[in-house]
Amino acid sequence: MALKDKKNKKYIVEDKKSVLKSFGHALDGIRYAFSTEYHMIVHGYFAICVIIAGVLFQISYFEWLICLILIGSVIALELVNTAIESVTNMITTDNNFYAKVAKDLSAGAVLVMSVVAGFIGLIIFLPKLFELF
């Protein structure tokens, strides 16, 4: 890494990285979250269940788009939550009010998205389930 000075503004310029290396780092983060975060595993199981249900009920193209956007949103938000918790833990191990607020807010964001995804899932899948009976 090189430190450059442009009009008295310092910034860090990283050495050129390959796109493959960048994807590798992103996949490392996803693997880390799935291997260490219980809630990420729960979201993964729900995602698999939604995909299986989508195949079994032959949901429409539009319904697939909605389901995939919701799955991606919940998992991405859980990754952000994990990042916020990791940085907060790195900064302080004390009982700090603002650390708690940061962690609670990021966890709350995941909860809101998960509940919304669940309700939308019910709207998509319940009518199809009722058609079976």
N, C-alpha and C. Protein backbone atom coordinates (compact mmCIF):
# COMPACT_ATOMS: atom_id res chain seq x y z
N MET A 1 0.84 -1.18 0.00
CA MET A 1 0.00 0.00 0.00
C MET A 1 0.88 1.24 0.00
N ALA A 2 0.40 2.24 -0.67
CA ALA A 2 1.15 3.49 -0.74
C ALA A 2 0.28 4.61 -0.23
N LEU A 3 0.91 5.53 0.50
CA LEU A 3 0.20 6.69 1.02
C LEU A 3 0.52 7.85 0.10
N LYS A 4 -0.47 8.50 -0.46
CA LYS A 4 -0.28 9.60 -1.40
C LYS A 4 -0.77 10.89 -0.78
N ASP A 5 -0.24 12.02 -1.25
CA ASP A 5 -0.66 13.33 -0.77
C ASP A 5 -1.09 14.15 -1.98
N LYS A 6 -2.35 14.50 -2.05
CA LYS A 6 -2.88 15.27 -3.17
C LYS A 6 -3.56 16.49 -2.59
N LYS A 7 -2.91 17.66 -2.79
CA LYS A 7 -3.43 18.91 -2.24
C LYS A 7 -3.65 18.80 -0.74
N ASN A 8 -2.66 18.29 -0.04
CA ASN A 8 -2.67 18.14 1.42
C ASN A 8 -3.75 17.20 1.96
N LYS A 9 -4.33 16.41 1.09
CA LYS A 9 -5.30 15.41 1.54
C LYS A 9 -4.64 14.05 1.40
N LYS A 10 -4.49 13.37 2.52
CA LYS A 10 -3.85 12.06 2.48
C LYS A 10 -4.90 10.98 2.31
N TYR A 11 -4.56 10.02 1.51
CA TYR A 11 -5.43 8.87 1.34
C TYR A 11 -4.59 7.65 1.01
N ILE A 12 -5.16 6.52 1.25
CA ILE A 12 -4.44 5.27 1.03
C ILE A 12 -4.83 4.71 -0.33
N VAL A 13 -3.83 4.36 -1.11
CA VAL A 13 -4.06 3.72 -2.40
C VAL A 13 -3.53 2.31 -2.29
N GLU A 14 -4.41 1.33 -2.47
CA GLU A 14 -3.97 -0.05 -2.37
C GLU A 14 -3.35 -0.48 -3.69
N ASP A 15 -2.45 -1.43 -3.59
CA ASP A 15 -1.89 -2.02 -4.79
C ASP A 15 -3.02 -2.65 -5.58
N LYS A 16 -2.80 -2.74 -6.89
CA LYS A 16 -3.86 -3.29 -7.74
C LYS A 16 -4.19 -4.72 -7.32
N LYS A 17 -5.46 -4.98 -7.21
CA LYS A 17 -5.94 -6.31 -6.88
C LYS A 17 -6.66 -6.87 -8.09
N SER A 18 -6.66 -8.16 -8.19
CA SER A 18 -7.43 -8.78 -9.26
C SER A 18 -8.88 -8.90 -8.81
N VAL A 19 -9.76 -8.96 -9.77
CA VAL A 19 -11.18 -9.13 -9.47
C VAL A 19 -11.38 -10.47 -8.77
N LEU A 20 -10.63 -11.47 -9.20
CA LEU A 20 -10.73 -12.79 -8.58
C LEU A 20 -10.38 -12.75 -7.11
N LYS A 21 -9.33 -11.99 -6.76
CA LYS A 21 -8.93 -11.86 -5.36
C LYS A 21 -10.03 -11.17 -4.55
N SER A 22 -10.65 -10.16 -5.13
CA SER A 22 -11.73 -9.45 -4.44
C SER A 22 -12.92 -10.38 -4.18
N PHE A 23 -13.28 -11.19 -5.18
CA PHE A 23 -14.35 -12.16 -4.99
C PHE A 23 -13.96 -13.17 -3.91
N GLY A 24 -12.71 -13.55 -3.90
CA GLY A 24 -12.23 -14.49 -2.88
C GLY A 24 -12.40 -13.94 -1.48
N HIS A 25 -12.07 -12.65 -1.30
CA HIS A 25 -12.24 -12.03 0.02
C HIS A 25 -13.72 -11.98 0.41
N ALA A 26 -14.58 -11.66 -0.56
CA ALA A 26 -16.02 -11.62 -0.29
C ALA A 26 -16.53 -13.00 0.10
N LEU A 27 -16.09 -14.02 -0.62
CA LEU A 27 -16.51 -15.39 -0.30
C LEU A 27 -15.97 -15.81 1.06
N ASP A 28 -14.76 -15.37 1.42
CA ASP A 28 -14.23 -15.64 2.76
C ASP A 28 -15.15 -15.08 3.83
N GLY A 29 -15.65 -13.87 3.60
CA GLY A 29 -16.56 -13.24 4.56
C GLY A 29 -17.86 -14.01 4.69
N ILE A 30 -18.39 -14.45 3.56
CA ILE A 30 -19.64 -15.21 3.58
C ILE A 30 -19.43 -16.55 4.28
N ARG A 31 -18.31 -17.22 3.97
CA ARG A 31 -18.00 -18.50 4.64
C ARG A 31 -17.85 -18.30 6.14
N TYR A 32 -17.17 -17.21 6.52
CA TYR A 32 -16.98 -16.92 7.95
C TYR A 32 -18.34 -16.75 8.64
N ALA A 33 -19.22 -15.98 8.03
CA ALA A 33 -20.52 -15.73 8.64
C ALA A 33 -21.33 -17.02 8.77
N PHE A 34 -21.32 -17.85 7.73
CA PHE A 34 -22.08 -19.11 7.80
C PHE A 34 -21.46 -20.10 8.77
N SER A 35 -20.15 -19.99 9.02
CA SER A 35 -19.52 -20.95 9.92
C SER A 35 -19.51 -20.49 11.37
N THR A 36 -19.77 -19.22 11.63
CA THR A 36 -19.69 -18.72 13.01
C THR A 36 -20.98 -18.10 13.54
N GLU A 37 -21.88 -17.72 12.67
CA GLU A 37 -23.08 -17.00 13.10
C GLU A 37 -24.31 -17.91 13.02
N TYR A 38 -24.87 -18.21 14.17
CA TYR A 38 -26.04 -19.08 14.25
C TYR A 38 -27.19 -18.54 13.39
N HIS A 39 -27.46 -17.25 13.47
CA HIS A 39 -28.59 -16.69 12.74
C HIS A 39 -28.38 -16.75 11.23
N MET A 40 -27.13 -16.70 10.78
CA MET A 40 -26.86 -16.83 9.35
C MET A 40 -27.24 -18.24 8.88
N ILE A 41 -26.96 -19.23 9.71
CA ILE A 41 -27.33 -20.61 9.38
C ILE A 41 -28.85 -20.74 9.32
N VAL A 42 -29.55 -20.12 10.27
CA VAL A 42 -31.02 -20.15 10.27
C VAL A 42 -31.55 -19.51 8.98
N HIS A 43 -31.00 -18.35 8.61
CA HIS A 43 -31.43 -17.69 7.37
C HIS A 43 -31.14 -18.57 6.16
N GLY A 44 -30.02 -19.27 6.19
CA GLY A 44 -29.68 -20.18 5.10
C GLY A 44 -30.69 -21.32 4.97
N TYR A 45 -31.08 -21.90 6.10
CA TYR A 45 -32.09 -22.96 6.08
C TYR A 45 -33.43 -22.44 5.54
N PHE A 46 -33.84 -21.27 5.98
CA PHE A 46 -35.09 -20.70 5.48
C PHE A 46 -34.99 -20.44 3.98
N ALA A 47 -33.84 -19.97 3.52
CA ALA A 47 -33.66 -19.71 2.09
C ALA A 47 -33.80 -21.01 1.30
N ILE A 48 -33.20 -22.08 1.79
CA ILE A 48 -33.31 -23.39 1.12
C ILE A 48 -34.77 -23.85 1.11
N CYS A 49 -35.47 -23.67 2.22
CA CYS A 49 -36.89 -24.05 2.29
C CYS A 49 -37.73 -23.27 1.29
N VAL A 50 -37.45 -21.98 1.17
CA VAL A 50 -38.20 -21.14 0.22
C VAL A 50 -37.93 -21.60 -1.21
N ILE A 51 -36.68 -21.91 -1.52
CA ILE A 51 -36.34 -22.36 -2.87
C ILE A 51 -37.02 -23.70 -3.17
N ILE A 52 -36.99 -24.62 -2.23
CA ILE A 52 -37.66 -25.91 -2.42
C ILE A 52 -39.16 -25.71 -2.60
N ALA A 53 -39.76 -24.87 -1.75
CA ALA A 53 -41.20 -24.60 -1.87
C ALA A 53 -41.52 -23.93 -3.21
N GLY A 54 -40.64 -23.04 -3.65
CA GLY A 54 -40.85 -22.39 -4.94
C GLY A 54 -40.85 -23.37 -6.09
N VAL A 55 -39.95 -24.34 -6.03
CA VAL A 55 -39.90 -25.38 -7.07
C VAL A 55 -41.14 -26.27 -7.00
N LEU A 56 -41.49 -26.71 -5.79
CA LEU A 56 -42.63 -27.60 -5.62
C LEU A 56 -43.96 -26.94 -6.03
N PHE A 57 -44.12 -25.68 -5.66
CA PHE A 57 -45.37 -24.97 -5.98
C PHE A 57 -45.33 -24.28 -7.34
N GLN A 58 -44.22 -24.39 -8.02
CA GLN A 58 -44.05 -23.77 -9.34
C GLN A 58 -44.48 -22.31 -9.35
N ILE A 59 -43.85 -21.54 -8.47
CA ILE A 59 -44.20 -20.12 -8.37
C ILE A 59 -43.83 -19.40 -9.67
N SER A 60 -44.48 -18.27 -9.90
CA SER A 60 -44.29 -17.52 -11.15
C SER A 60 -42.92 -16.84 -11.18
N TYR A 61 -42.57 -16.35 -12.34
CA TYR A 61 -41.32 -15.61 -12.54
C TYR A 61 -41.24 -14.43 -11.58
N PHE A 62 -42.32 -13.67 -11.49
CA PHE A 62 -42.38 -12.51 -10.62
C PHE A 62 -42.23 -12.91 -9.15
N GLU A 63 -42.87 -14.01 -8.75
CA GLU A 63 -42.74 -14.49 -7.37
C GLU A 63 -41.31 -14.95 -7.08
N TRP A 64 -40.65 -15.57 -8.08
CA TRP A 64 -39.24 -15.94 -7.91
C TRP A 64 -38.38 -14.71 -7.69
N LEU A 65 -38.64 -13.67 -8.47
CA LEU A 65 -37.87 -12.43 -8.31
C LEU A 65 -38.01 -11.88 -6.90
N ILE A 66 -39.24 -11.84 -6.42
CA ILE A 66 -39.49 -11.33 -5.07
C ILE A 66 -38.78 -12.19 -4.03
N CYS A 67 -38.92 -13.50 -4.14
CA CYS A 67 -38.28 -14.41 -3.17
C CYS A 67 -36.76 -14.25 -3.18
N LEU A 68 -36.17 -14.19 -4.36
CA LEU A 68 -34.70 -14.08 -4.44
C LEU A 68 -34.21 -12.73 -3.92
N ILE A 69 -34.95 -11.67 -4.18
CA ILE A 69 -34.58 -10.36 -3.63
C ILE A 69 -34.66 -10.38 -2.11
N LEU A 70 -35.70 -10.98 -1.58
CA LEU A 70 -35.86 -11.06 -0.12
C LEU A 70 -34.77 -11.93 0.51
N ILE A 71 -34.48 -13.08 -0.09
CA ILE A 71 -33.42 -13.95 0.44
C ILE A 71 -32.10 -13.19 0.44
N GLY A 72 -31.78 -12.56 -0.68
CA GLY A 72 -30.53 -11.79 -0.78
C GLY A 72 -30.48 -10.64 0.22
N SER A 73 -31.60 -9.97 0.41
CA SER A 73 -31.65 -8.84 1.34
C SER A 73 -31.41 -9.27 2.78
N VAL A 74 -32.07 -10.35 3.18
CA VAL A 74 -31.91 -10.84 4.56
C VAL A 74 -30.47 -11.30 4.81
N ILE A 75 -29.92 -12.06 3.87
CA ILE A 75 -28.55 -12.56 4.04
C ILE A 75 -27.55 -11.41 4.01
N ALA A 76 -27.74 -10.46 3.08
CA ALA A 76 -26.83 -9.31 3.02
C ALA A 76 -26.91 -8.49 4.30
N LEU A 77 -28.10 -8.28 4.81
CA LEU A 77 -28.26 -7.51 6.05
C LEU A 77 -27.63 -8.24 7.23
N GLU A 78 -27.74 -9.56 7.25
CA GLU A 78 -27.09 -10.33 8.32
C GLU A 78 -25.57 -10.22 8.21
N LEU A 79 -25.03 -10.16 7.00
CA LEU A 79 -23.59 -9.95 6.82
C LEU A 79 -23.17 -8.57 7.36
N VAL A 80 -23.97 -7.56 7.07
CA VAL A 80 -23.68 -6.21 7.59
C VAL A 80 -23.77 -6.22 9.11
N ASN A 81 -24.77 -6.88 9.66
CA ASN A 81 -24.92 -6.98 11.11
C ASN A 81 -23.69 -7.64 11.73
N THR A 82 -23.21 -8.71 11.12
CA THR A 82 -22.03 -9.40 11.61
C THR A 82 -20.80 -8.49 11.55
N ALA A 83 -20.69 -7.72 10.48
CA ALA A 83 -19.56 -6.79 10.35
C ALA A 83 -19.61 -5.71 11.44
N ILE A 84 -20.79 -5.16 11.69
CA ILE A 84 -20.94 -4.14 12.72
C ILE A 84 -20.61 -4.71 14.09
N GLU A 85 -21.09 -5.91 14.37
CA GLU A 85 -20.79 -6.54 15.66
C GLU A 85 -19.29 -6.81 15.80
N SER A 86 -18.64 -7.25 14.73
CA SER A 86 -17.20 -7.53 14.78
C SER A 86 -16.39 -6.27 15.04
N VAL A 87 -16.73 -5.21 14.34
CA VAL A 87 -16.00 -3.94 14.53
C VAL A 87 -16.26 -3.40 15.93
N THR A 88 -17.49 -3.49 16.39
CA THR A 88 -17.81 -3.02 17.73
C THR A 88 -17.02 -3.82 18.78
N ASN A 89 -16.96 -5.13 18.60
CA ASN A 89 -16.19 -5.96 19.54
C ASN A 89 -14.70 -5.65 19.49
N MET A 90 -14.21 -5.26 18.32
CA MET A 90 -12.81 -4.92 18.17
C MET A 90 -12.49 -3.60 18.90
N ILE A 91 -13.43 -2.68 18.86
CA ILE A 91 -13.21 -1.36 19.45
C ILE A 91 -13.30 -1.39 20.97
N THR A 92 -14.29 -2.12 21.49
CA THR A 92 -14.46 -2.14 22.95
C THR A 92 -14.99 -3.48 23.42
N THR A 93 -14.50 -3.89 24.56
CA THR A 93 -15.05 -5.09 25.21
C THR A 93 -15.79 -4.68 26.49
N ASP A 94 -15.74 -3.39 26.80
CA ASP A 94 -16.45 -2.89 27.97
C ASP A 94 -17.95 -2.81 27.70
N ASN A 95 -18.73 -2.70 28.77
CA ASN A 95 -20.15 -2.41 28.62
C ASN A 95 -20.28 -0.95 28.23
N ASN A 96 -20.48 -0.73 26.94
CA ASN A 96 -20.54 0.63 26.40
C ASN A 96 -21.93 0.83 25.81
N PHE A 97 -22.59 1.89 26.24
CA PHE A 97 -23.95 2.17 25.79
C PHE A 97 -24.03 2.26 24.27
N TYR A 98 -23.10 2.98 23.64
CA TYR A 98 -23.15 3.19 22.19
C TYR A 98 -22.81 1.92 21.42
N ALA A 99 -21.95 1.08 21.98
CA ALA A 99 -21.67 -0.22 21.35
C ALA A 99 -22.94 -1.07 21.35
N LYS A 100 -23.67 -1.03 22.46
CA LYS A 100 -24.93 -1.77 22.56
C LYS A 100 -25.95 -1.23 21.56
N VAL A 101 -26.02 0.08 21.45
CA VAL A 101 -26.97 0.70 20.51
C VAL A 101 -26.63 0.27 19.09
N ALA A 102 -25.35 0.31 18.72
CA ALA A 102 -24.94 -0.08 17.36
C ALA A 102 -25.32 -1.53 17.07
N LYS A 103 -25.04 -2.41 18.02
CA LYS A 103 -25.36 -3.83 17.83
C LYS A 103 -26.87 -4.05 17.78
N ASP A 104 -27.60 -3.38 18.66
CA ASP A 104 -29.06 -3.54 18.70
C ASP A 104 -29.71 -3.01 17.43
N LEU A 105 -29.22 -1.88 16.94
CA LEU A 105 -29.78 -1.31 15.70
C LEU A 105 -29.55 -2.23 14.51
N SER A 106 -28.35 -2.76 14.39
CA SER A 106 -28.07 -3.63 13.25
C SER A 106 -28.86 -4.94 13.36
N ALA A 107 -28.99 -5.46 14.57
CA ALA A 107 -29.81 -6.66 14.77
C ALA A 107 -31.28 -6.36 14.48
N GLY A 108 -31.73 -5.18 14.87
CA GLY A 108 -33.11 -4.76 14.60
C GLY A 108 -33.39 -4.65 13.11
N ALA A 109 -32.42 -4.18 12.36
CA ALA A 109 -32.59 -4.09 10.91
C ALA A 109 -32.78 -5.47 10.29
N VAL A 110 -32.01 -6.44 10.77
CA VAL A 110 -32.15 -7.82 10.28
C VAL A 110 -33.53 -8.36 10.66
N LEU A 111 -33.95 -8.09 11.89
CA LEU A 111 -35.25 -8.57 12.35
C LEU A 111 -36.38 -7.99 11.49
N VAL A 112 -36.35 -6.70 11.24
CA VAL A 112 -37.39 -6.06 10.43
C VAL A 112 -37.44 -6.70 9.03
N MET A 113 -36.27 -6.86 8.40
CA MET A 113 -36.23 -7.44 7.06
C MET A 113 -36.71 -8.88 7.07
N SER A 114 -36.34 -9.63 8.11
CA SER A 114 -36.76 -11.03 8.21
C SER A 114 -38.27 -11.15 8.38
N VAL A 115 -38.85 -10.30 9.21
CA VAL A 115 -40.30 -10.33 9.43
C VAL A 115 -41.03 -9.95 8.14
N VAL A 116 -40.56 -8.92 7.46
CA VAL A 116 -41.18 -8.52 6.19
C VAL A 116 -41.07 -9.66 5.18
N ALA A 117 -39.89 -10.28 5.10
CA ALA A 117 -39.71 -11.41 4.17
C ALA A 117 -40.65 -12.56 4.54
N GLY A 118 -40.82 -12.80 5.82
CA GLY A 118 -41.73 -13.86 6.27
C GLY A 118 -43.17 -13.59 5.88
N PHE A 119 -43.63 -12.35 6.07
CA PHE A 119 -45.00 -12.01 5.70
C PHE A 119 -45.20 -12.12 4.19
N ILE A 120 -44.24 -11.65 3.43
CA ILE A 120 -44.36 -11.75 1.97
C ILE A 120 -44.35 -13.22 1.55
N GLY A 121 -43.52 -14.03 2.22
CA GLY A 121 -43.51 -15.46 1.94
C GLY A 121 -44.87 -16.09 2.20
N LEU A 122 -45.51 -15.69 3.29
CA LEU A 122 -46.85 -16.20 3.59
C LEU A 122 -47.85 -15.77 2.51
N ILE A 123 -47.74 -14.53 2.06
CA ILE A 123 -48.64 -14.03 1.01
C ILE A 123 -48.46 -14.83 -0.28
N ILE A 124 -47.22 -15.21 -0.57
CA ILE A 124 -46.95 -15.97 -1.80
C ILE A 124 -47.35 -17.43 -1.65
N PHE A 125 -46.99 -18.06 -0.52
CA PHE A 125 -47.12 -19.50 -0.41
C PHE A 125 -48.42 -20.00 0.22
N LEU A 126 -49.04 -19.24 1.11
CA LEU A 126 -50.27 -19.74 1.75
C LEU A 126 -51.38 -20.05 0.75
N PRO A 127 -51.67 -19.17 -0.21
CA PRO A 127 -52.73 -19.53 -1.18
C PRO A 127 -52.41 -20.81 -1.95
N LYS A 128 -51.15 -21.02 -2.27
CA LYS A 128 -50.76 -22.24 -2.98
C LYS A 128 -50.91 -23.47 -2.09
N LEU A 129 -50.65 -23.29 -0.80
CA LEU A 129 -50.81 -24.38 0.16
C LEU A 129 -52.29 -24.72 0.34
N PHE A 130 -53.14 -23.68 0.39
CA PHE A 130 -54.58 -23.89 0.55
C PHE A 130 -55.20 -24.58 -0.67
N GLU A 131 -54.60 -24.38 -1.86
CA GLU A 131 -55.10 -25.03 -3.08
C GLU A 131 -54.96 -26.55 -3.00
N LEU A 132 -54.02 -27.02 -2.18
CA LEU A 132 -53.81 -28.47 -2.05
C LEU A 132 -54.96 -29.15 -1.31
N PHE A 133 -55.70 -28.41 -0.51
CA PHE A 133 -56.75 -29.00 0.34
C PHE A 133 -58.14 -28.66 -0.15
